[in-house]
Amino acid sequence: MAPVLDYAAFSPTAYADALARSQFIHPDIRELWPQIPRIAGPAYTVRCVPGDNLMLHAAIYRASAGSVIVVEAGSNDYAVSGGNVCAIAQRRGIAGFVIDGVIRDIAEVRAAKFPVFAKGCLPKPGVKAALGSLQVPITCGGVQVSPNDIIVADEEGIAVIPAAEKAAVWEISRGRTEQDAAISLAEWERSHRAKIEDLLAQKGFLEPN
Protein backbone atom coordinates (compact mmCIF):
# COMPACT_ATOMS: atom_id res chain seq x y z
CA MET A 1 0.00 0.00 0.00
CA ALA A 2 1.38 3.40 -1.05
CA PRO A 3 2.17 5.85 1.76
CA VAL A 4 -0.18 8.78 2.31
CA LEU A 5 1.63 11.94 1.24
CA ASP A 6 0.97 15.17 3.13
CA TYR A 7 0.65 17.75 0.37
CA ALA A 8 -0.14 20.48 2.90
CA ALA A 9 3.32 20.04 4.42
CA PHE A 10 4.78 22.30 1.73
CA SER A 11 3.88 25.77 0.50
CA PRO A 12 2.90 26.23 -3.14
CA THR A 13 6.33 27.86 -3.57
CA ALA A 14 7.97 24.53 -2.75
CA TYR A 15 6.16 22.98 -5.71
CA ALA A 16 7.56 25.53 -8.16
CA ASP A 17 10.60 23.39 -9.01
CA ALA A 18 8.37 20.46 -9.89
CA LEU A 19 5.58 22.18 -11.82
CA ALA A 20 5.40 24.38 -14.91
CA ARG A 21 4.03 27.93 -14.61
CA SER A 22 0.88 26.65 -16.30
CA GLN A 23 0.01 24.70 -13.14
CA PHE A 24 -0.30 27.79 -10.93
CA ILE A 25 -3.66 29.55 -10.82
CA HIS A 26 -3.74 33.26 -11.73
CA PRO A 27 -3.17 35.51 -8.70
CA ASP A 28 -6.51 37.24 -9.29
CA ILE A 29 -7.86 34.24 -7.37
CA ARG A 30 -6.60 34.81 -3.84
CA GLU A 31 -7.39 34.24 -0.17
CA LEU A 32 -10.44 36.21 0.95
CA TRP A 33 -9.51 36.66 4.59
CA PRO A 34 -6.12 37.30 6.24
CA GLN A 35 -3.73 34.60 7.44
CA ILE A 36 -5.82 31.92 5.80
CA PRO A 37 -4.49 28.44 6.57
CA ARG A 38 -2.93 26.33 3.86
CA ILE A 39 -5.30 23.79 2.35
CA ALA A 40 -4.52 20.74 0.25
CA GLY A 41 -6.65 17.97 -1.14
CA PRO A 42 -8.08 16.32 -4.23
CA ALA A 43 -10.09 18.58 -6.50
CA TYR A 44 -13.84 18.14 -6.75
CA THR A 45 -14.60 20.12 -9.89
CA VAL A 46 -17.68 22.21 -10.64
CA ARG A 47 -18.67 24.05 -13.79
CA CYS A 48 -21.52 26.52 -13.33
CA VAL A 49 -23.59 28.17 -16.01
CA PRO A 50 -22.72 31.90 -15.85
CA GLY A 51 -24.97 33.64 -13.34
CA ASP A 52 -26.17 30.34 -11.87
CA ASN A 53 -24.87 28.65 -8.69
CA LEU A 54 -26.88 25.42 -8.65
CA MET A 55 -23.96 23.09 -9.27
CA LEU A 56 -21.78 24.46 -6.46
CA HIS A 57 -24.71 24.09 -4.10
CA ALA A 58 -25.09 20.50 -5.30
CA ALA A 59 -21.36 19.83 -4.91
CA ILE A 60 -21.24 20.53 -1.17
CA TYR A 61 -23.43 17.45 -0.60
CA ARG A 62 -21.41 15.23 -2.94
CA ALA A 63 -17.75 16.08 -2.43
CA SER A 64 -15.86 13.86 -0.01
CA ALA A 65 -14.44 15.18 3.25
CA GLY A 66 -10.93 16.52 2.69
CA SER A 67 -11.55 17.54 -0.90
CA VAL A 68 -11.16 21.05 -2.32
CA ILE A 69 -14.13 22.22 -4.35
CA VAL A 70 -12.82 24.03 -7.46
CA VAL A 71 -15.31 26.10 -9.42
CA GLU A 72 -15.43 27.51 -12.93
CA ALA A 73 -18.16 30.09 -12.32
CA GLY A 74 -18.11 31.56 -15.81
CA SER A 75 -18.93 35.06 -14.54
CA ASN A 76 -17.93 37.61 -11.91
CA ASP A 77 -21.36 39.25 -11.97
CA TYR A 78 -23.11 37.07 -9.36
CA ALA A 79 -21.98 35.35 -6.18
CA VAL A 80 -21.92 31.55 -6.39
CA SER A 81 -21.71 31.01 -2.64
CA GLY A 82 -22.66 32.64 0.63
CA GLY A 83 -22.18 32.10 4.33
CA ASN A 84 -24.58 29.19 4.75
CA VAL A 85 -23.14 27.24 1.82
CA CYS A 86 -19.64 27.68 3.23
CA ALA A 87 -20.82 26.66 6.70
CA ILE A 88 -22.39 23.46 5.39
CA ALA A 89 -19.28 22.64 3.36
CA GLN A 90 -17.15 23.20 6.46
CA ARG A 91 -19.42 21.01 8.57
CA ARG A 92 -19.15 18.25 5.98
CA GLY A 93 -15.34 18.35 6.12
CA ILE A 94 -14.64 20.09 2.81
CA ALA A 95 -11.12 21.56 2.98
CA GLY A 96 -12.07 24.78 1.19
CA PHE A 97 -13.20 26.44 -2.04
CA VAL A 98 -11.15 27.71 -4.98
CA ILE A 99 -13.49 29.75 -7.18
CA ASP A 100 -12.91 31.44 -10.50
CA GLY A 101 -15.66 33.88 -9.60
CA VAL A 102 -17.02 35.72 -6.56
CA ILE A 103 -18.83 34.96 -3.30
CA ARG A 104 -20.71 36.97 -0.69
CA ASP A 105 -21.11 37.01 3.12
CA ILE A 106 -17.35 37.23 3.61
CA ALA A 107 -17.75 38.38 7.23
CA GLU A 108 -19.52 35.12 8.06
CA VAL A 109 -16.96 33.08 6.16
CA ARG A 110 -14.08 34.83 7.92
CA ALA A 111 -15.69 34.37 11.35
CA ALA A 112 -16.10 30.65 10.67
CA LYS A 113 -12.50 30.46 9.37
CA PHE A 114 -13.56 28.54 6.27
CA PRO A 115 -10.85 28.81 3.58
CA VAL A 116 -12.09 30.42 0.37
CA PHE A 117 -9.93 31.56 -2.52
CA ALA A 118 -11.81 33.62 -5.12
CA LYS A 119 -11.71 36.82 -7.14
CA GLY A 120 -13.62 38.84 -4.57
CA CYS A 121 -17.05 39.54 -3.16
CA LEU A 122 -20.31 40.75 -4.64
CA PRO A 123 -23.62 40.92 -2.74
CA LYS A 124 -25.95 39.73 -5.51
CA PRO A 125 -26.35 35.94 -5.69
CA GLY A 126 -26.87 33.93 -8.83
CA VAL A 127 -29.98 31.90 -9.57
CA LYS A 128 -30.47 28.13 -9.45
CA ALA A 129 -31.98 27.40 -12.81
CA ALA A 130 -29.46 25.59 -15.01
CA LEU A 131 -27.50 22.37 -14.92
CA GLY A 132 -23.77 22.70 -15.27
CA SER A 133 -21.32 19.84 -14.65
CA LEU A 134 -19.65 18.05 -11.76
CA GLN A 135 -16.40 16.12 -11.79
CA VAL A 136 -15.31 17.06 -15.31
CA PRO A 137 -12.16 18.90 -16.43
CA ILE A 138 -12.65 22.64 -15.91
CA THR A 139 -10.59 25.82 -16.23
CA CYS A 140 -9.91 27.81 -13.07
CA GLY A 141 -7.67 30.85 -13.13
CA GLY A 142 -6.25 29.82 -16.49
CA VAL A 143 -5.34 26.29 -15.36
CA GLN A 144 -7.04 23.09 -16.45
CA VAL A 145 -8.14 21.22 -13.34
CA SER A 146 -9.31 17.62 -13.53
CA PRO A 147 -11.09 15.65 -10.82
CA ASN A 148 -8.65 14.38 -8.17
CA ASP A 149 -5.80 16.68 -9.18
CA ILE A 150 -4.18 17.86 -5.96
CA ILE A 151 -4.82 21.47 -4.99
CA VAL A 152 -2.40 23.24 -2.64
CA ALA A 153 -3.43 26.79 -1.73
CA ASP A 154 -2.32 29.42 0.74
CA GLU A 155 -1.40 33.11 0.77
CA GLU A 156 1.53 32.36 -1.59
CA GLY A 157 -0.76 31.11 -4.37
CA ILE A 158 -2.49 28.02 -5.68
CA ALA A 159 -0.76 25.00 -7.22
CA VAL A 160 -2.56 22.36 -9.27
CA ILE A 161 -0.72 19.04 -9.20
CA PRO A 162 -1.87 16.59 -11.90
CA ALA A 163 -3.11 13.39 -10.27
CA ALA A 164 -0.85 11.21 -12.42
CA GLU A 165 2.25 13.13 -11.28
CA LYS A 166 1.41 13.77 -7.64
CA ALA A 167 3.90 11.38 -6.00
CA ALA A 168 6.83 12.55 -8.15
CA VAL A 169 5.95 16.20 -7.62
CA TRP A 170 5.73 15.68 -3.85
CA GLU A 171 9.18 14.04 -3.77
CA ILE A 172 10.79 16.91 -5.70
CA SER A 173 9.14 19.43 -3.39
CA ARG A 174 10.25 17.54 -0.29
CA GLY A 175 13.84 17.51 -1.56
CA ARG A 176 13.76 21.25 -2.27
CA THR A 177 12.32 22.01 1.16
CA GLU A 178 14.92 19.90 2.95
CA GLN A 179 17.72 21.47 0.89
CA ASP A 180 16.56 24.97 1.76
CA ALA A 181 16.27 24.09 5.45
CA ALA A 182 19.81 22.70 5.54
CA ILE A 183 21.55 25.91 4.45
CA SER A 184 22.02 29.04 6.54
CA LEU A 185 21.24 32.50 5.21
CA ALA A 186 24.96 33.35 5.26
CA GLU A 187 25.76 30.26 3.17
CA TRP A 188 22.89 31.04 0.81
CA GLU A 189 24.14 34.62 0.42
CA ARG A 190 27.68 33.50 -0.47
CA SER A 191 26.43 31.07 -3.08
CA HIS A 192 23.86 33.49 -4.44
CA ARG A 193 26.31 36.39 -4.72
CA ALA A 194 28.87 34.24 -6.54
CA LYS A 195 26.20 33.09 -8.97
CA ILE A 196 24.96 36.63 -9.66
CA GLU A 197 28.47 38.01 -10.14
CA ASP A 198 29.29 35.17 -12.54
CA LEU A 199 26.16 35.85 -14.58
CA LEU A 200 26.92 39.57 -14.73
CA ALA A 201 30.46 38.87 -15.91
CA GLN A 202 29.23 36.45 -18.59
CA LYS A 203 26.90 39.14 -19.94
CA GLY A 204 29.56 41.86 -19.97
CA PHE A 205 28.14 43.98 -17.17
CA LEU A 206 30.10 47.17 -16.43
CA GLU A 207 29.90 48.82 -13.02
CA PRO A 208 28.35 52.32 -13.15
CA ASN A 209 30.74 55.20 -12.57
C-alpha atoms as a PDB file:
ATOM      1  CA  MET A   1       0.000   0.000   0.000  1.00  0.00           C
ATOM      2  CA  ALA A   2       1.383   3.397  -1.055  1.00  0.00           C
ATOM      3  CA  PRO A   3       2.166   5.851   1.760  1.00  0.00           C
ATOM      4  CA  VAL A   4      -0.179   8.781   2.314  1.00  0.00           C
ATOM      5  CA  LEU A   5       1.626  11.945   1.240  1.00  0.00           C
ATOM      6  CA  ASP A   6       0.973  15.173   3.133  1.00  0.00           C
ATOM      7  CA  TYR A   7       0.651  17.754   0.373  1.00  0.00           C
ATOM      8  CA  ALA A   8      -0.141  20.482   2.904  1.00  0.00           C
ATOM      9  CA  ALA A   9       3.323  20.037   4.424  1.00  0.00           C
ATOM     10  CA  PHE A  10       4.784  22.296   1.727  1.00  0.00           C
ATOM     11  CA  SER A  11       3.876  25.772   0.501  1.00  0.00           C
ATOM     12  CA  PRO A  12       2.904  26.232  -3.145  1.00  0.00           C
ATOM     13  CA  THR A  13       6.332  27.858  -3.569  1.00  0.00           C
ATOM     14  CA  ALA A  14       7.967  24.528  -2.754  1.00  0.00           C
ATOM     15  CA  TYR A  15       6.159  22.976  -5.715  1.00  0.00           C
ATOM     16  CA  ALA A  16       7.563  25.532  -8.159  1.00  0.00           C
ATOM     17  CA  ASP A  17      10.602  23.387  -9.014  1.00  0.00           C
ATOM     18  CA  ALA A  18       8.370  20.461  -9.891  1.00  0.00           C
ATOM     19  CA  LEU A  19       5.579  22.182 -11.821  1.00  0.00           C
ATOM     20  CA  ALA A  20       5.397  24.379 -14.910  1.00  0.00           C
ATOM     21  CA  ARG A  21       4.032  27.926 -14.611  1.00  0.00           C
ATOM     22  CA  SER A  22       0.885  26.650 -16.305  1.00  0.00           C
ATOM     23  CA  GLN A  23       0.014  24.702 -13.137  1.00  0.00           C
ATOM     24  CA  PHE A  24      -0.301  27.787 -10.927  1.00  0.00           C
ATOM     25  CA  ILE A  25      -3.660  29.553 -10.817  1.00  0.00           C
ATOM     26  CA  HIS A  26      -3.740  33.257 -11.732  1.00  0.00           C
ATOM     27  CA  PRO A  27      -3.167  35.514  -8.702  1.00  0.00           C
ATOM     28  CA  ASP A  28      -6.515  37.242  -9.291  1.00  0.00           C
ATOM     29  CA  ILE A  29      -7.855  34.241  -7.369  1.00  0.00           C
ATOM     30  CA  ARG A  30      -6.598  34.806  -3.842  1.00  0.00           C
ATOM     31  CA  GLU A  31      -7.385  34.241  -0.174  1.00  0.00           C
ATOM     32  CA  LEU A  32     -10.436  36.207   0.950  1.00  0.00           C
ATOM     33  CA  TRP A  33      -9.507  36.661   4.595  1.00  0.00           C
ATOM     34  CA  PRO A  34      -6.121  37.305   6.240  1.00  0.00           C
ATOM     35  CA  GLN A  35      -3.730  34.599   7.437  1.00  0.00           C
ATOM     36  CA  ILE A  36      -5.824  31.922   5.800  1.00  0.00           C
ATOM     37  CA  PRO A  37      -4.487  28.440   6.573  1.00  0.00           C
ATOM     38  CA  ARG A  38      -2.934  26.332   3.856  1.00  0.00           C
ATOM     39  CA  ILE A  39      -5.304  23.787   2.349  1.00  0.00           C
ATOM     40  CA  ALA A  40      -4.525  20.740   0.249  1.00  0.00           C
ATOM     41  CA  GLY A  41      -6.652  17.966  -1.137  1.00  0.00           C
ATOM     42  CA  PRO A  42      -8.081  16.321  -4.232  1.00  0.00           C
ATOM     43  CA  ALA A  43     -10.088  18.582  -6.503  1.00  0.00           C
ATOM     44  CA  TYR A  44     -13.838  18.144  -6.751  1.00  0.00           C
ATOM     45  CA  THR A  45     -14.596  20.121  -9.893  1.00  0.00           C
ATOM     46  CA  VAL A  46     -17.675  22.209 -10.639  1.00  0.00           C
ATOM     47  CA  ARG A  47     -18.669  24.052 -13.794  1.00  0.00           C
ATOM     48  CA  CYS A  48     -21.516  26.519 -13.328  1.00  0.00           C
ATOM     49  CA  VAL A  49     -23.585  28.172 -16.010  1.00  0.00           C
ATOM     50  CA  PRO A  50     -22.717  31.903 -15.849  1.00  0.00           C
ATOM     51  CA  GLY A  51     -24.970  33.643 -13.337  1.00  0.00           C
ATOM     52  CA  ASP A  52     -26.171  30.336 -11.868  1.00  0.00           C
ATOM     53  CA  ASN A  53     -24.871  28.649  -8.694  1.00  0.00           C
ATOM     54  CA  LEU A  54     -26.883  25.422  -8.648  1.00  0.00           C
ATOM     55  CA  MET A  55     -23.962  23.091  -9.268  1.00  0.00           C
ATOM     56  CA  LEU A  56     -21.784  24.464  -6.464  1.00  0.00           C
ATOM     57  CA  HIS A  57     -24.712  24.091  -4.099  1.00  0.00           C
ATOM     58  CA  ALA A  58     -25.087  20.495  -5.295  1.00  0.00           C
ATOM     59  CA  ALA A  59     -21.360  19.829  -4.912  1.00  0.00           C
ATOM     60  CA  ILE A  60     -21.239  20.532  -1.173  1.00  0.00           C
ATOM     61  CA  TYR A  61     -23.426  17.453  -0.602  1.00  0.00           C
ATOM     62  CA  ARG A  62     -21.415  15.225  -2.941  1.00  0.00           C
ATOM     63  CA  ALA A  63     -17.751  16.080  -2.431  1.00  0.00           C
ATOM     64  CA  SER A  64     -15.860  13.858  -0.007  1.00  0.00           C
ATOM     65  CA  ALA A  65     -14.440  15.182   3.246  1.00  0.00           C
ATOM     66  CA  GLY A  66     -10.933  16.518   2.694  1.00  0.00           C
ATOM     67  CA  SER A  67     -11.553  17.544  -0.899  1.00  0.00           C
ATOM     68  CA  VAL A  68     -11.160  21.050  -2.315  1.00  0.00           C
ATOM     69  CA  ILE A  69     -14.126  22.223  -4.351  1.00  0.00           C
ATOM     70  CA  VAL A  70     -12.825  24.026  -7.457  1.00  0.00           C
ATOM     71  CA  VAL A  71     -15.315  26.100  -9.418  1.00  0.00           C
ATOM     72  CA  GLU A  72     -15.435  27.508 -12.930  1.00  0.00           C
ATOM     73  CA  ALA A  73     -18.163  30.087 -12.320  1.00  0.00           C
ATOM     74  CA  GLY A  74     -18.114  31.562 -15.814  1.00  0.00           C
ATOM     75  CA  SER A  75     -18.926  35.057 -14.539  1.00  0.00           C
ATOM     76  CA  ASN A  76     -17.928  37.607 -11.909  1.00  0.00           C
ATOM     77  CA  ASP A  77     -21.358  39.248 -11.968  1.00  0.00           C
ATOM     78  CA  TYR A  78     -23.105  37.072  -9.363  1.00  0.00           C
ATOM     79  CA  ALA A  79     -21.981  35.348  -6.184  1.00  0.00           C
ATOM     80  CA  VAL A  80     -21.919  31.555  -6.391  1.00  0.00           C
ATOM     81  CA  SER A  81     -21.705  31.005  -2.642  1.00  0.00           C
ATOM     82  CA  GLY A  82     -22.658  32.645   0.626  1.00  0.00           C
ATOM     83  CA  GLY A  83     -22.179  32.097   4.326  1.00  0.00           C
ATOM     84  CA  ASN A  84     -24.582  29.187   4.750  1.00  0.00           C
ATOM     85  CA  VAL A  85     -23.136  27.236   1.820  1.00  0.00           C
ATOM     86  CA  CYS A  86     -19.636  27.678   3.226  1.00  0.00           C
ATOM     87  CA  ALA A  87     -20.825  26.663   6.700  1.00  0.00           C
ATOM     88  CA  ILE A  88     -22.390  23.456   5.390  1.00  0.00           C
ATOM     89  CA  ALA A  89     -19.277  22.636   3.364  1.00  0.00           C
ATOM     90  CA  GLN A  90     -17.147  23.202   6.455  1.00  0.00           C
ATOM     91  CA  ARG A  91     -19.416  21.012   8.570  1.00  0.00           C
ATOM     92  CA  ARG A  92     -19.153  18.252   5.976  1.00  0.00           C
ATOM     93  CA  GLY A  93     -15.343  18.349   6.119  1.00  0.00           C
ATOM     94  CA  ILE A  94     -14.644  20.093   2.809  1.00  0.00           C
ATOM     95  CA  ALA A  95     -11.125  21.563   2.984  1.00  0.00           C
ATOM     96  CA  GLY A  96     -12.067  24.781   1.194  1.00  0.00           C
ATOM     97  CA  PHE A  97     -13.196  26.442  -2.038  1.00  0.00           C
ATOM     98  CA  VAL A  98     -11.150  27.710  -4.980  1.00  0.00           C
ATOM     99  CA  ILE A  99     -13.488  29.745  -7.176  1.00  0.00           C
ATOM    100  CA  ASP A 100     -12.906  31.441 -10.501  1.00  0.00           C
ATOM    101  CA  GLY A 101     -15.655  33.876  -9.598  1.00  0.00           C
ATOM    102  CA  VAL A 102     -17.024  35.716  -6.564  1.00  0.00           C
ATOM    103  CA  ILE A 103     -18.828  34.957  -3.303  1.00  0.00           C
ATOM    104  CA  ARG A 104     -20.710  36.971  -0.690  1.00  0.00           C
ATOM    105  CA  ASP A 105     -21.112  37.011   3.119  1.00  0.00           C
ATOM    106  CA  ILE A 106     -17.353  37.233   3.610  1.00  0.00           C
ATOM    107  CA  ALA A 107     -17.752  38.380   7.232  1.00  0.00           C
ATOM    108  CA  GLU A 108     -19.522  35.117   8.059  1.00  0.00           C
ATOM    109  CA  VAL A 109     -16.956  33.076   6.163  1.00  0.00           C
ATOM    110  CA  ARG A 110     -14.081  34.830   7.924  1.00  0.00           C
ATOM    111  CA  ALA A 111     -15.686  34.374  11.346  1.00  0.00           C
ATOM    112  CA  ALA A 112     -16.098  30.647  10.672  1.00  0.00           C
ATOM    113  CA  LYS A 113     -12.501  30.459   9.369  1.00  0.00           C
ATOM    114  CA  PHE A 114     -13.558  28.538   6.268  1.00  0.00           C
ATOM    115  CA  PRO A 115     -10.846  28.811   3.577  1.00  0.00           C
ATOM    116  CA  VAL A 116     -12.090  30.422   0.375  1.00  0.00           C
ATOM    117  CA  PHE A 117      -9.934  31.564  -2.518  1.00  0.00           C
ATOM    118  CA  ALA A 118     -11.813  33.618  -5.120  1.00  0.00           C
ATOM    119  CA  LYS A 119     -11.710  36.822  -7.141  1.00  0.00           C
ATOM    120  CA  GLY A 120     -13.619  38.836  -4.574  1.00  0.00           C
ATOM    121  CA  CYS A 121     -17.046  39.543  -3.157  1.00  0.00           C
ATOM    122  CA  LEU A 122     -20.312  40.751  -4.641  1.00  0.00           C
ATOM    123  CA  PRO A 123     -23.620  40.919  -2.740  1.00  0.00           C
ATOM    124  CA  LYS A 124     -25.951  39.734  -5.514  1.00  0.00           C
ATOM    125  CA  PRO A 125     -26.349  35.939  -5.686  1.00  0.00           C
ATOM    126  CA  GLY A 126     -26.870  33.930  -8.827  1.00  0.00           C
ATOM    127  CA  VAL A 127     -29.982  31.898  -9.574  1.00  0.00           C
ATOM    128  CA  LYS A 128     -30.468  28.126  -9.447  1.00  0.00           C
ATOM    129  CA  ALA A 129     -31.983  27.403 -12.812  1.00  0.00           C
ATOM    130  CA  ALA A 130     -29.461  25.589 -15.010  1.00  0.00           C
ATOM    131  CA  LEU A 131     -27.496  22.365 -14.922  1.00  0.00           C
ATOM    132  CA  GLY A 132     -23.767  22.701 -15.267  1.00  0.00           C
ATOM    133  CA  SER A 133     -21.320  19.845 -14.646  1.00  0.00           C
ATOM    134  CA  LEU A 134     -19.653  18.053 -11.757  1.00  0.00           C
ATOM    135  CA  GLN A 135     -16.399  16.116 -11.792  1.00  0.00           C
ATOM    136  CA  VAL A 136     -15.314  17.057 -15.314  1.00  0.00           C
ATOM    137  CA  PRO A 137     -12.161  18.902 -16.426  1.00  0.00           C
ATOM    138  CA  ILE A 138     -12.646  22.642 -15.906  1.00  0.00           C
ATOM    139  CA  THR A 139     -10.591  25.821 -16.227  1.00  0.00           C
ATOM    140  CA  CYS A 140      -9.913  27.814 -13.069  1.00  0.00           C
ATOM    141  CA  GLY A 141      -7.670  30.849 -13.131  1.00  0.00           C
ATOM    142  CA  GLY A 142      -6.248  29.822 -16.489  1.00  0.00           C
ATOM    143  CA  VAL A 143      -5.345  26.292 -15.365  1.00  0.00           C
ATOM    144  CA  GLN A 144      -7.040  23.092 -16.454  1.00  0.00           C
ATOM    145  CA  VAL A 145      -8.145  21.222 -13.339  1.00  0.00           C
ATOM    146  CA  SER A 146      -9.312  17.621 -13.526  1.00  0.00           C
ATOM    147  CA  PRO A 147     -11.092  15.650 -10.821  1.00  0.00           C
ATOM    148  CA  ASN A 148      -8.651  14.383  -8.175  1.00  0.00           C
ATOM    149  CA  ASP A 149      -5.804  16.684  -9.176  1.00  0.00           C
ATOM    150  CA  ILE A 150      -4.179  17.857  -5.962  1.00  0.00           C
ATOM    151  CA  ILE A 151      -4.822  21.469  -4.994  1.00  0.00           C
ATOM    152  CA  VAL A 152      -2.402  23.244  -2.638  1.00  0.00           C
ATOM    153  CA  ALA A 153      -3.434  26.791  -1.725  1.00  0.00           C
ATOM    154  CA  ASP A 154      -2.325  29.422   0.742  1.00  0.00           C
ATOM    155  CA  GLU A 155      -1.395  33.112   0.772  1.00  0.00           C
ATOM    156  CA  GLU A 156       1.532  32.356  -1.586  1.00  0.00           C
ATOM    157  CA  GLY A 157      -0.758  31.113  -4.369  1.00  0.00           C
ATOM    158  CA  ILE A 158      -2.490  28.020  -5.679  1.00  0.00           C
ATOM    159  CA  ALA A 159      -0.763  24.996  -7.219  1.00  0.00           C
ATOM    160  CA  VAL A 160      -2.565  22.365  -9.266  1.00  0.00           C
ATOM    161  CA  ILE A 161      -0.716  19.044  -9.203  1.00  0.00           C
ATOM    162  CA  PRO A 162      -1.870  16.587 -11.896  1.00  0.00           C
ATOM    163  CA  ALA A 163      -3.114  13.394 -10.267  1.00  0.00           C
ATOM    164  CA  ALA A 164      -0.849  11.205 -12.415  1.00  0.00           C
ATOM    165  CA  GLU A 165       2.245  13.126 -11.277  1.00  0.00           C
ATOM    166  CA  LYS A 166       1.410  13.770  -7.638  1.00  0.00           C
ATOM    167  CA  ALA A 167       3.901  11.380  -6.005  1.00  0.00           C
ATOM    168  CA  ALA A 168       6.832  12.549  -8.148  1.00  0.00           C
ATOM    169  CA  VAL A 169       5.945  16.202  -7.616  1.00  0.00           C
ATOM    170  CA  TRP A 170       5.732  15.677  -3.852  1.00  0.00           C
ATOM    171  CA  GLU A 171       9.182  14.041  -3.772  1.00  0.00           C
ATOM    172  CA  ILE A 172      10.794  16.908  -5.703  1.00  0.00           C
ATOM    173  CA  SER A 173       9.144  19.428  -3.394  1.00  0.00           C
ATOM    174  CA  ARG A 174      10.251  17.541  -0.294  1.00  0.00           C
ATOM    175  CA  GLY A 175      13.837  17.507  -1.557  1.00  0.00           C
ATOM    176  CA  ARG A 176      13.765  21.249  -2.267  1.00  0.00           C
ATOM    177  CA  THR A 177      12.319  22.012   1.159  1.00  0.00           C
ATOM    178  CA  GLU A 178      14.919  19.897   2.947  1.00  0.00           C
ATOM    179  CA  GLN A 179      17.715  21.465   0.892  1.00  0.00           C
ATOM    180  CA  ASP A 180      16.561  24.972   1.759  1.00  0.00           C
ATOM    181  CA  ALA A 181      16.266  24.094   5.448  1.00  0.00           C
ATOM    182  CA  ALA A 182      19.806  22.702   5.543  1.00  0.00           C
ATOM    183  CA  ILE A 183      21.553  25.909   4.452  1.00  0.00           C
ATOM    184  CA  SER A 184      22.019  29.044   6.544  1.00  0.00           C
ATOM    185  CA  LEU A 185      21.240  32.498   5.214  1.00  0.00           C
ATOM    186  CA  ALA A 186      24.959  33.348   5.257  1.00  0.00           C
ATOM    187  CA  GLU A 187      25.765  30.265   3.174  1.00  0.00           C
ATOM    188  CA  TRP A 188      22.894  31.040   0.807  1.00  0.00           C
ATOM    189  CA  GLU A 189      24.138  34.616   0.419  1.00  0.00           C
ATOM    190  CA  ARG A 190      27.682  33.504  -0.465  1.00  0.00           C
ATOM    191  CA  SER A 191      26.427  31.068  -3.083  1.00  0.00           C
ATOM    192  CA  HIS A 192      23.860  33.493  -4.443  1.00  0.00           C
ATOM    193  CA  ARG A 193      26.313  36.391  -4.719  1.00  0.00           C
ATOM    194  CA  ALA A 194      28.872  34.243  -6.537  1.00  0.00           C
ATOM    195  CA  LYS A 195      26.201  33.093  -8.968  1.00  0.00           C
ATOM    196  CA  ILE A 196      24.964  36.633  -9.657  1.00  0.00           C
ATOM    197  CA  GLU A 197      28.469  38.010 -10.136  1.00  0.00           C
ATOM    198  CA  ASP A 198      29.286  35.171 -12.536  1.00  0.00           C
ATOM    199  CA  LEU A 199      26.159  35.850 -14.578  1.00  0.00           C
ATOM    200  CA  LEU A 200      26.919  39.568 -14.730  1.00  0.00           C
ATOM    201  CA  ALA A 201      30.460  38.865 -15.908  1.00  0.00           C
ATOM    202  CA  GLN A 202      29.233  36.452 -18.592  1.00  0.00           C
ATOM    203  CA  LYS A 203      26.904  39.136 -19.938  1.00  0.00           C
ATOM    204  CA  GLY A 204      29.559  41.864 -19.972  1.00  0.00           C
ATOM    205  CA  PHE A 205      28.137  43.977 -17.174  1.00  0.00           C
ATOM    206  CA  LEU A 206      30.096  47.175 -16.431  1.00  0.00           C
ATOM    207  CA  GLU A 207      29.903  48.825 -13.024  1.00  0.00           C
ATOM    208  CA  PRO A 208      28.351  52.319 -13.149  1.00  0.00           C
ATOM    209  CA  ASN A 209      30.737  55.201 -12.574  1.00  0.00           C
END
